[in-house]
Amino acid sequence: MKALLVVDVQYDFLPGGSLAVPDGDKVIPVINRIQDKFDIVVATQDWHPKNHGSFASNHQGKKAGDFVKLSGEDQILWPDHCVQGTPGAQIHHDLKRKSWKKVFQKGTNPVVDSYSGFYDNNRGEDTGLATYLKEHGVEEVFVTGLAADYCVKFTVMDAIKEGFETNLVEDATKGVNLSSGDTERAFTEMEKAGAKIIDSSSIP
């Protein structure tokens, strides 16, 4: 059984959003085009409380891009984004959601960030995604969405650790690229870990 994972295609990560991924909206038609090739389609949704520790606004004298310690881990600070109940946290309306089975929310704990769709960054809290996929007989996953160098990468790495045959759909993801070349480095890291980097046209 194969599943499509749609990671964080939310307004705040798209052009005009508070943490916009360049050309992030270009993944939407690709994701829509391939959805009917899968029996199971699930999505993740960043869903932060207003007091989330990854927000620069919650650290006096700090700005986005600075680092702090959050639950013992180095944490880059971000602009406020995907705050629970706000328009920016909503999944983009152009995504076809009729076939989606479930949306897994993440980043709800204010003291730890959560890039991966499976676990928080300390691997202390489980979203239930791995269990759900395994209970539905999924053995292979195809990961899409935003952003390639953060939430998509961490989701791919955890999918591999959970034993899924893991594919990254290259034309269905875009990166933030805080530093030049971050997306390319993320692709290399995912491939070295065992992910297949594929184009949507190769999905049977």
C-alpha atoms as a PDB file:
ATOM      1  CA  MET A   1       0.000   0.000   0.000  1.00  0.00           C
ATOM      2  CA  LYS A   2       1.266   3.447  -0.932  1.00  0.00           C
ATOM      3  CA  ALA A   3       0.406   6.741   0.766  1.00  0.00           C
ATOM      4  CA  LEU A   4       0.836  10.370  -0.249  1.00  0.00           C
ATOM      5  CA  LEU A   5       1.927  12.716   2.551  1.00  0.00           C
ATOM      6  CA  VAL A   6       1.097  16.412   2.061  1.00  0.00           C
ATOM      7  CA  VAL A   7       3.235  18.462   4.449  1.00  0.00           C
ATOM      8  CA  ASP A   8       2.168  21.908   5.705  1.00  0.00           C
ATOM      9  CA  VAL A   9       0.740  23.525   2.559  1.00  0.00           C
ATOM     10  CA  GLN A  10      -0.637  26.397   4.639  1.00  0.00           C
ATOM     11  CA  TYR A  11      -1.142  30.071   3.879  1.00  0.00           C
ATOM     12  CA  ASP A  12       1.685  31.290   6.120  1.00  0.00           C
ATOM     13  CA  PHE A  13       4.167  29.188   4.123  1.00  0.00           C
ATOM     14  CA  LEU A  14       2.903  30.418   0.766  1.00  0.00           C
ATOM     15  CA  PRO A  15       3.587  33.719  -1.050  1.00  0.00           C
ATOM     16  CA  GLY A  16       2.204  36.564   1.068  1.00  0.00           C
ATOM     17  CA  GLY A  17       2.427  34.522   4.276  1.00  0.00           C
ATOM     18  CA  SER A  18       4.452  35.377   7.355  1.00  0.00           C
ATOM     19  CA  LEU A  19       7.032  32.663   6.630  1.00  0.00           C
ATOM     20  CA  ALA A  20       6.647  32.361   2.878  1.00  0.00           C
ATOM     21  CA  VAL A  21       8.518  29.705   0.913  1.00  0.00           C
ATOM     22  CA  PRO A  22       9.593  31.142  -2.464  1.00  0.00           C
ATOM     23  CA  ASP A  23       7.374  29.663  -5.202  1.00  0.00           C
ATOM     24  CA  GLY A  24       5.655  27.535  -2.559  1.00  0.00           C
ATOM     25  CA  ASP A  25       2.333  27.813  -4.380  1.00  0.00           C
ATOM     26  CA  LYS A  26       3.784  25.929  -7.342  1.00  0.00           C
ATOM     27  CA  VAL A  27       3.564  22.646  -5.435  1.00  0.00           C
ATOM     28  CA  ILE A  28      -0.242  22.801  -5.265  1.00  0.00           C
ATOM     29  CA  PRO A  29      -1.100  21.800  -8.873  1.00  0.00           C
ATOM     30  CA  VAL A  30       1.491  19.005  -8.729  1.00  0.00           C
ATOM     31  CA  ILE A  31       0.020  17.593  -5.527  1.00  0.00           C
ATOM     32  CA  ASN A  32      -3.506  17.852  -6.926  1.00  0.00           C
ATOM     33  CA  ARG A  33      -2.485  16.054 -10.099  1.00  0.00           C
ATOM     34  CA  ILE A  34      -1.013  13.004  -8.351  1.00  0.00           C
ATOM     35  CA  GLN A  35      -3.514  12.505  -5.523  1.00  0.00           C
ATOM     36  CA  ASP A  36      -5.692  10.058  -7.411  1.00  0.00           C
ATOM     37  CA  LYS A  37      -2.731   7.696  -7.782  1.00  0.00           C
ATOM     38  CA  PHE A  38      -2.904   6.843  -4.071  1.00  0.00           C
ATOM     39  CA  ASP A  39      -5.349   4.898  -1.917  1.00  0.00           C
ATOM     40  CA  ILE A  40      -4.378   6.910   1.139  1.00  0.00           C
ATOM     41  CA  VAL A  41      -3.686  10.649   1.239  1.00  0.00           C
ATOM     42  CA  VAL A  42      -2.904  12.299   4.579  1.00  0.00           C
ATOM     43  CA  ALA A  43      -1.620  15.750   5.476  1.00  0.00           C
ATOM     44  CA  THR A  44       0.197  17.548   8.246  1.00  0.00           C
ATOM     45  CA  GLN A  45      -0.628  20.988   9.611  1.00  0.00           C
ATOM     46  CA  ASP A  46       1.598  23.265  11.685  1.00  0.00           C
ATOM     47  CA  TRP A  47      -0.664  24.336  14.562  1.00  0.00           C
ATOM     48  CA  HIS A  48       1.186  26.533  17.033  1.00  0.00           C
ATOM     49  CA  PRO A  49      -0.111  28.236  20.159  1.00  0.00           C
ATOM     50  CA  LYS A  50       0.574  31.989  20.285  1.00  0.00           C
ATOM     51  CA  ASN A  51       3.206  31.517  22.985  1.00  0.00           C
ATOM     52  CA  HIS A  52       5.260  29.018  21.007  1.00  0.00           C
ATOM     53  CA  GLY A  53       8.930  29.060  21.942  1.00  0.00           C
ATOM     54  CA  SER A  54      10.090  29.044  18.319  1.00  0.00           C
ATOM     55  CA  PHE A  55       8.616  32.512  17.726  1.00  0.00           C
ATOM     56  CA  ALA A  56      11.113  35.367  17.954  1.00  0.00           C
ATOM     57  CA  SER A  57       8.334  37.568  19.333  1.00  0.00           C
ATOM     58  CA  ASN A  58       8.306  35.460  22.504  1.00  0.00           C
ATOM     59  CA  HIS A  59      11.990  36.153  23.281  1.00  0.00           C
ATOM     60  CA  GLN A  60      12.877  39.681  24.377  1.00  0.00           C
ATOM     61  CA  GLY A  61      15.605  41.232  22.274  1.00  0.00           C
ATOM     62  CA  LYS A  62      15.662  38.381  19.763  1.00  0.00           C
ATOM     63  CA  LYS A  63      14.780  38.417  16.084  1.00  0.00           C
ATOM     64  CA  ALA A  64      13.946  35.802  13.456  1.00  0.00           C
ATOM     65  CA  GLY A  65      17.082  33.897  12.522  1.00  0.00           C
ATOM     66  CA  ASP A  66      18.600  34.086  16.010  1.00  0.00           C
ATOM     67  CA  PHE A  67      19.149  30.911  18.020  1.00  0.00           C
ATOM     68  CA  VAL A  68      18.037  30.037  21.552  1.00  0.00           C
ATOM     69  CA  LYS A  69      17.874  26.876  23.624  1.00  0.00           C
ATOM     70  CA  LEU A  70      14.419  25.307  23.619  1.00  0.00           C
ATOM     71  CA  SER A  71      13.964  22.202  25.771  1.00  0.00           C
ATOM     72  CA  GLY A  72      17.725  21.743  25.690  1.00  0.00           C
ATOM     73  CA  GLU A  73      18.032  21.889  21.902  1.00  0.00           C
ATOM     74  CA  ASP A  74      19.340  24.626  19.623  1.00  0.00           C
ATOM     75  CA  GLN A  75      16.306  26.353  18.152  1.00  0.00           C
ATOM     76  CA  ILE A  76      16.249  28.831  15.293  1.00  0.00           C
ATOM     77  CA  LEU A  77      13.680  31.544  15.863  1.00  0.00           C
ATOM     78  CA  TRP A  78      10.957  32.186  13.302  1.00  0.00           C
ATOM     79  CA  PRO A  79       8.380  34.889  12.655  1.00  0.00           C
ATOM     80  CA  ASP A  80       5.001  34.068  14.184  1.00  0.00           C
ATOM     81  CA  HIS A  81       3.362  31.569  11.830  1.00  0.00           C
ATOM     82  CA  CYS A  82       0.558  29.017  11.673  1.00  0.00           C
ATOM     83  CA  VAL A  83      -0.973  30.202  14.939  1.00  0.00           C
ATOM     84  CA  GLN A  84      -3.945  28.061  15.915  1.00  0.00           C
ATOM     85  CA  GLY A  85      -7.218  29.352  14.502  1.00  0.00           C
ATOM     86  CA  THR A  86      -5.689  32.070  12.314  1.00  0.00           C
ATOM     87  CA  PRO A  87      -6.136  32.334   8.533  1.00  0.00           C
ATOM     88  CA  GLY A  88      -2.405  31.740   8.043  1.00  0.00           C
ATOM     89  CA  ALA A  89      -2.651  28.336   9.689  1.00  0.00           C
ATOM     90  CA  GLN A  90      -5.304  27.091   7.273  1.00  0.00           C
ATOM     91  CA  ILE A  91      -4.480  24.642   4.502  1.00  0.00           C
ATOM     92  CA  HIS A  92      -4.648  26.367   1.133  1.00  0.00           C
ATOM     93  CA  HIS A  93      -8.118  26.241  -0.395  1.00  0.00           C
ATOM     94  CA  ASP A  94      -6.783  25.268  -3.853  1.00  0.00           C
ATOM     95  CA  LEU A  95      -5.679  21.884  -2.567  1.00  0.00           C
ATOM     96  CA  LYS A  96      -8.173  19.169  -3.406  1.00  0.00           C
ATOM     97  CA  ARG A  97      -9.047  17.516  -0.103  1.00  0.00           C
ATOM     98  CA  LYS A  98     -11.914  15.220  -1.052  1.00  0.00           C
ATOM     99  CA  SER A  99      -9.751  12.090  -0.866  1.00  0.00           C
ATOM    100  CA  TRP A 100      -7.811  13.046   2.263  1.00  0.00           C
ATOM    101  CA  LYS A 101      -8.196  10.553   5.090  1.00  0.00           C
ATOM    102  CA  LYS A 102      -6.768  12.559   7.987  1.00  0.00           C
ATOM    103  CA  VAL A 103      -4.866  15.730   8.917  1.00  0.00           C
ATOM    104  CA  PHE A 104      -2.199  15.405  11.617  1.00  0.00           C
ATOM    105  CA  GLN A 105      -1.520  18.593  13.566  1.00  0.00           C
ATOM    106  CA  LYS A 106       1.929  19.282  14.959  1.00  0.00           C
ATOM    107  CA  GLY A 107       3.832  21.964  16.849  1.00  0.00           C
ATOM    108  CA  THR A 108       1.145  22.283  19.511  1.00  0.00           C
ATOM    109  CA  ASN A 109       3.550  22.092  22.471  1.00  0.00           C
ATOM    110  CA  PRO A 110       4.942  25.586  23.178  1.00  0.00           C
ATOM    111  CA  VAL A 111       8.239  24.301  24.611  1.00  0.00           C
ATOM    112  CA  VAL A 112       9.406  22.216  21.655  1.00  0.00           C
ATOM    113  CA  ASP A 113       9.271  22.722  17.895  1.00  0.00           C
ATOM    114  CA  SER A 114       7.978  20.040  15.570  1.00  0.00           C
ATOM    115  CA  TYR A 115       9.176  19.961  11.985  1.00  0.00           C
ATOM    116  CA  SER A 116       8.450  16.306  11.264  1.00  0.00           C
ATOM    117  CA  GLY A 117       4.959  15.028  10.643  1.00  0.00           C
ATOM    118  CA  PHE A 118       5.783  12.058  12.885  1.00  0.00           C
ATOM    119  CA  TYR A 119       7.485  13.435  16.014  1.00  0.00           C
ATOM    120  CA  ASP A 120       8.496  16.685  17.653  1.00  0.00           C
ATOM    121  CA  ASN A 121      12.130  17.753  17.379  1.00  0.00           C
ATOM    122  CA  ASN A 122      13.018  16.040  20.680  1.00  0.00           C
ATOM    123  CA  ARG A 123      11.167  12.887  19.575  1.00  0.00           C
ATOM    124  CA  GLY A 124       9.196  13.091  22.815  1.00  0.00           C
ATOM    125  CA  GLU A 125       5.709  13.437  21.341  1.00  0.00           C
ATOM    126  CA  ASP A 126       4.214  11.275  18.610  1.00  0.00           C
ATOM    127  CA  THR A 127       1.552  12.648  16.249  1.00  0.00           C
ATOM    128  CA  GLY A 128       0.190   9.162  15.566  1.00  0.00           C
ATOM    129  CA  LEU A 129       1.048   9.326  11.866  1.00  0.00           C
ATOM    130  CA  ALA A 130       3.318   6.265  11.822  1.00  0.00           C
ATOM    131  CA  THR A 131       0.792   4.139  13.698  1.00  0.00           C
ATOM    132  CA  TYR A 132      -2.018   5.275  11.411  1.00  0.00           C
ATOM    133  CA  LEU A 133      -0.093   4.418   8.249  1.00  0.00           C
ATOM    134  CA  LYS A 134       0.990   1.021   9.542  1.00  0.00           C
ATOM    135  CA  GLU A 135      -2.528   0.157  10.703  1.00  0.00           C
ATOM    136  CA  HIS A 136      -3.702   0.858   7.150  1.00  0.00           C
ATOM    137  CA  GLY A 137      -1.077  -1.401   5.603  1.00  0.00           C
ATOM    138  CA  VAL A 138       1.089   1.363   4.158  1.00  0.00           C
ATOM    139  CA  GLU A 139       4.607   0.255   3.252  1.00  0.00           C
ATOM    140  CA  GLU A 140       5.685   3.067   0.922  1.00  0.00           C
ATOM    141  CA  VAL A 141       5.231   6.833   1.283  1.00  0.00           C
ATOM    142  CA  PHE A 142       5.576   9.717  -1.151  1.00  0.00           C
ATOM    143  CA  VAL A 143       6.319  13.010   0.584  1.00  0.00           C
ATOM    144  CA  THR A 144       5.320  16.418  -0.807  1.00  0.00           C
ATOM    145  CA  GLY A 145       4.773  19.938   0.532  1.00  0.00           C
ATOM    146  CA  LEU A 146       6.666  22.633   2.441  1.00  0.00           C
ATOM    147  CA  ALA A 147       9.387  23.279   3.198  1.00  0.00           C
ATOM    148  CA  ALA A 148      11.914  20.966   1.602  1.00  0.00           C
ATOM    149  CA  ASP A 149      14.767  21.952   3.915  1.00  0.00           C
ATOM    150  CA  TYR A 150      12.791  21.794   7.172  1.00  0.00           C
ATOM    151  CA  CYS A 151       9.439  20.069   7.695  1.00  0.00           C
ATOM    152  CA  VAL A 152       9.611  17.959   4.533  1.00  0.00           C
ATOM    153  CA  LYS A 153      13.171  16.846   5.264  1.00  0.00           C
ATOM    154  CA  PHE A 154      12.405  15.922   8.872  1.00  0.00           C
ATOM    155  CA  THR A 155       9.264  14.049   7.781  1.00  0.00           C
ATOM    156  CA  VAL A 156      11.258  12.104   5.188  1.00  0.00           C
ATOM    157  CA  MET A 157      13.973  11.220   7.696  1.00  0.00           C
ATOM    158  CA  ASP A 158      11.435   9.973  10.238  1.00  0.00           C
ATOM    159  CA  ALA A 159       9.556   7.995   7.586  1.00  0.00           C
ATOM    160  CA  ILE A 160      12.803   6.176   6.820  1.00  0.00           C
ATOM    161  CA  LYS A 161      13.440   5.544  10.528  1.00  0.00           C
ATOM    162  CA  GLU A 162       9.912   4.127  10.834  1.00  0.00           C
ATOM    163  CA  GLY A 163      10.709   1.579   8.133  1.00  0.00           C
ATOM    164  CA  PHE A 164       8.707   2.991   5.238  1.00  0.00           C
ATOM    165  CA  GLU A 165      10.054   2.895   1.719  1.00  0.00           C
ATOM    166  CA  THR A 166      10.314   6.644   1.267  1.00  0.00           C
ATOM    167  CA  ASN A 167      10.142   8.847  -1.810  1.00  0.00           C
ATOM    168  CA  LEU A 168      10.502  12.610  -2.033  1.00  0.00           C
ATOM    169  CA  VAL A 169       8.547  14.090  -4.940  1.00  0.00           C
ATOM    170  CA  GLU A 170      11.033  16.742  -6.042  1.00  0.00           C
ATOM    171  CA  ASP A 171       8.687  18.873  -8.143  1.00  0.00           C
ATOM    172  CA  ALA A 172       6.094  18.888  -5.323  1.00  0.00           C
ATOM    173  CA  THR A 173       8.295  20.586  -2.726  1.00  0.00           C
ATOM    174  CA  LYS A 174      10.104  23.908  -2.335  1.00  0.00           C
ATOM    175  CA  GLY A 175      12.626  25.107   0.225  1.00  0.00           C
ATOM    176  CA  VAL A 176      12.968  28.168   2.452  1.00  0.00           C
ATOM    177  CA  ASN A 177      16.708  28.469   1.705  1.00  0.00           C
ATOM    178  CA  LEU A 178      17.642  30.638   4.668  1.00  0.00           C
ATOM    179  CA  SER A 179      21.193  29.979   3.497  1.00  0.00           C
ATOM    180  CA  SER A 180      21.975  29.544  -0.188  1.00  0.00           C
ATOM    181  CA  GLY A 181      21.957  25.874  -1.153  1.00  0.00           C
ATOM    182  CA  ASP A 182      19.931  24.628   1.840  1.00  0.00           C
ATOM    183  CA  THR A 183      17.431  22.811  -0.377  1.00  0.00           C
ATOM    184  CA  GLU A 184      20.127  21.032  -2.384  1.00  0.00           C
ATOM    185  CA  ARG A 185      21.870  19.998   0.828  1.00  0.00           C
ATOM    186  CA  ALA A 186      18.563  18.705   2.204  1.00  0.00           C
ATOM    187  CA  PHE A 187      18.019  16.614  -0.927  1.00  0.00           C
ATOM    188  CA  THR A 188      21.514  15.142  -0.576  1.00  0.00           C
ATOM    189  CA  GLU A 189      20.946  14.368   3.102  1.00  0.00           C
ATOM    190  CA  MET A 190      17.615  12.660   2.420  1.00  0.00           C
ATOM    191  CA  GLU A 191      19.058  10.634  -0.425  1.00  0.00           C
ATOM    192  CA  LYS A 192      22.021   9.492   1.679  1.00  0.00           C
ATOM    193  CA  ALA A 193      19.591   8.380   4.380  1.00  0.00           C
ATOM    194  CA  GLY A 194      17.791   6.158   1.878  1.00  0.00           C
ATOM    195  CA  ALA A 195      15.069   8.274   0.296  1.00  0.00           C
ATOM    196  CA  LYS A 196      14.434   8.130  -3.425  1.00  0.00           C
ATOM    197  CA  ILE A 197      14.248  11.553  -5.078  1.00  0.00           C
ATOM    198  CA  ILE A 198      11.695  11.290  -7.868  1.00  0.00           C
ATOM    199  CA  ASP A 199       9.680  13.433 -10.246  1.00  0.00           C
ATOM    200  CA  SER A 200       5.898  13.304 -10.112  1.00  0.00           C
ATOM    201  CA  SER A 201       5.816  12.065 -13.708  1.00  0.00           C
ATOM    202  CA  SER A 202       7.429   8.777 -12.606  1.00  0.00           C
ATOM    203  CA  ILE A 203       4.660   7.841 -10.166  1.00  0.00           C
ATOM    204  CA  PRO A 204       2.754   4.942 -11.720  1.00  0.00           C
END
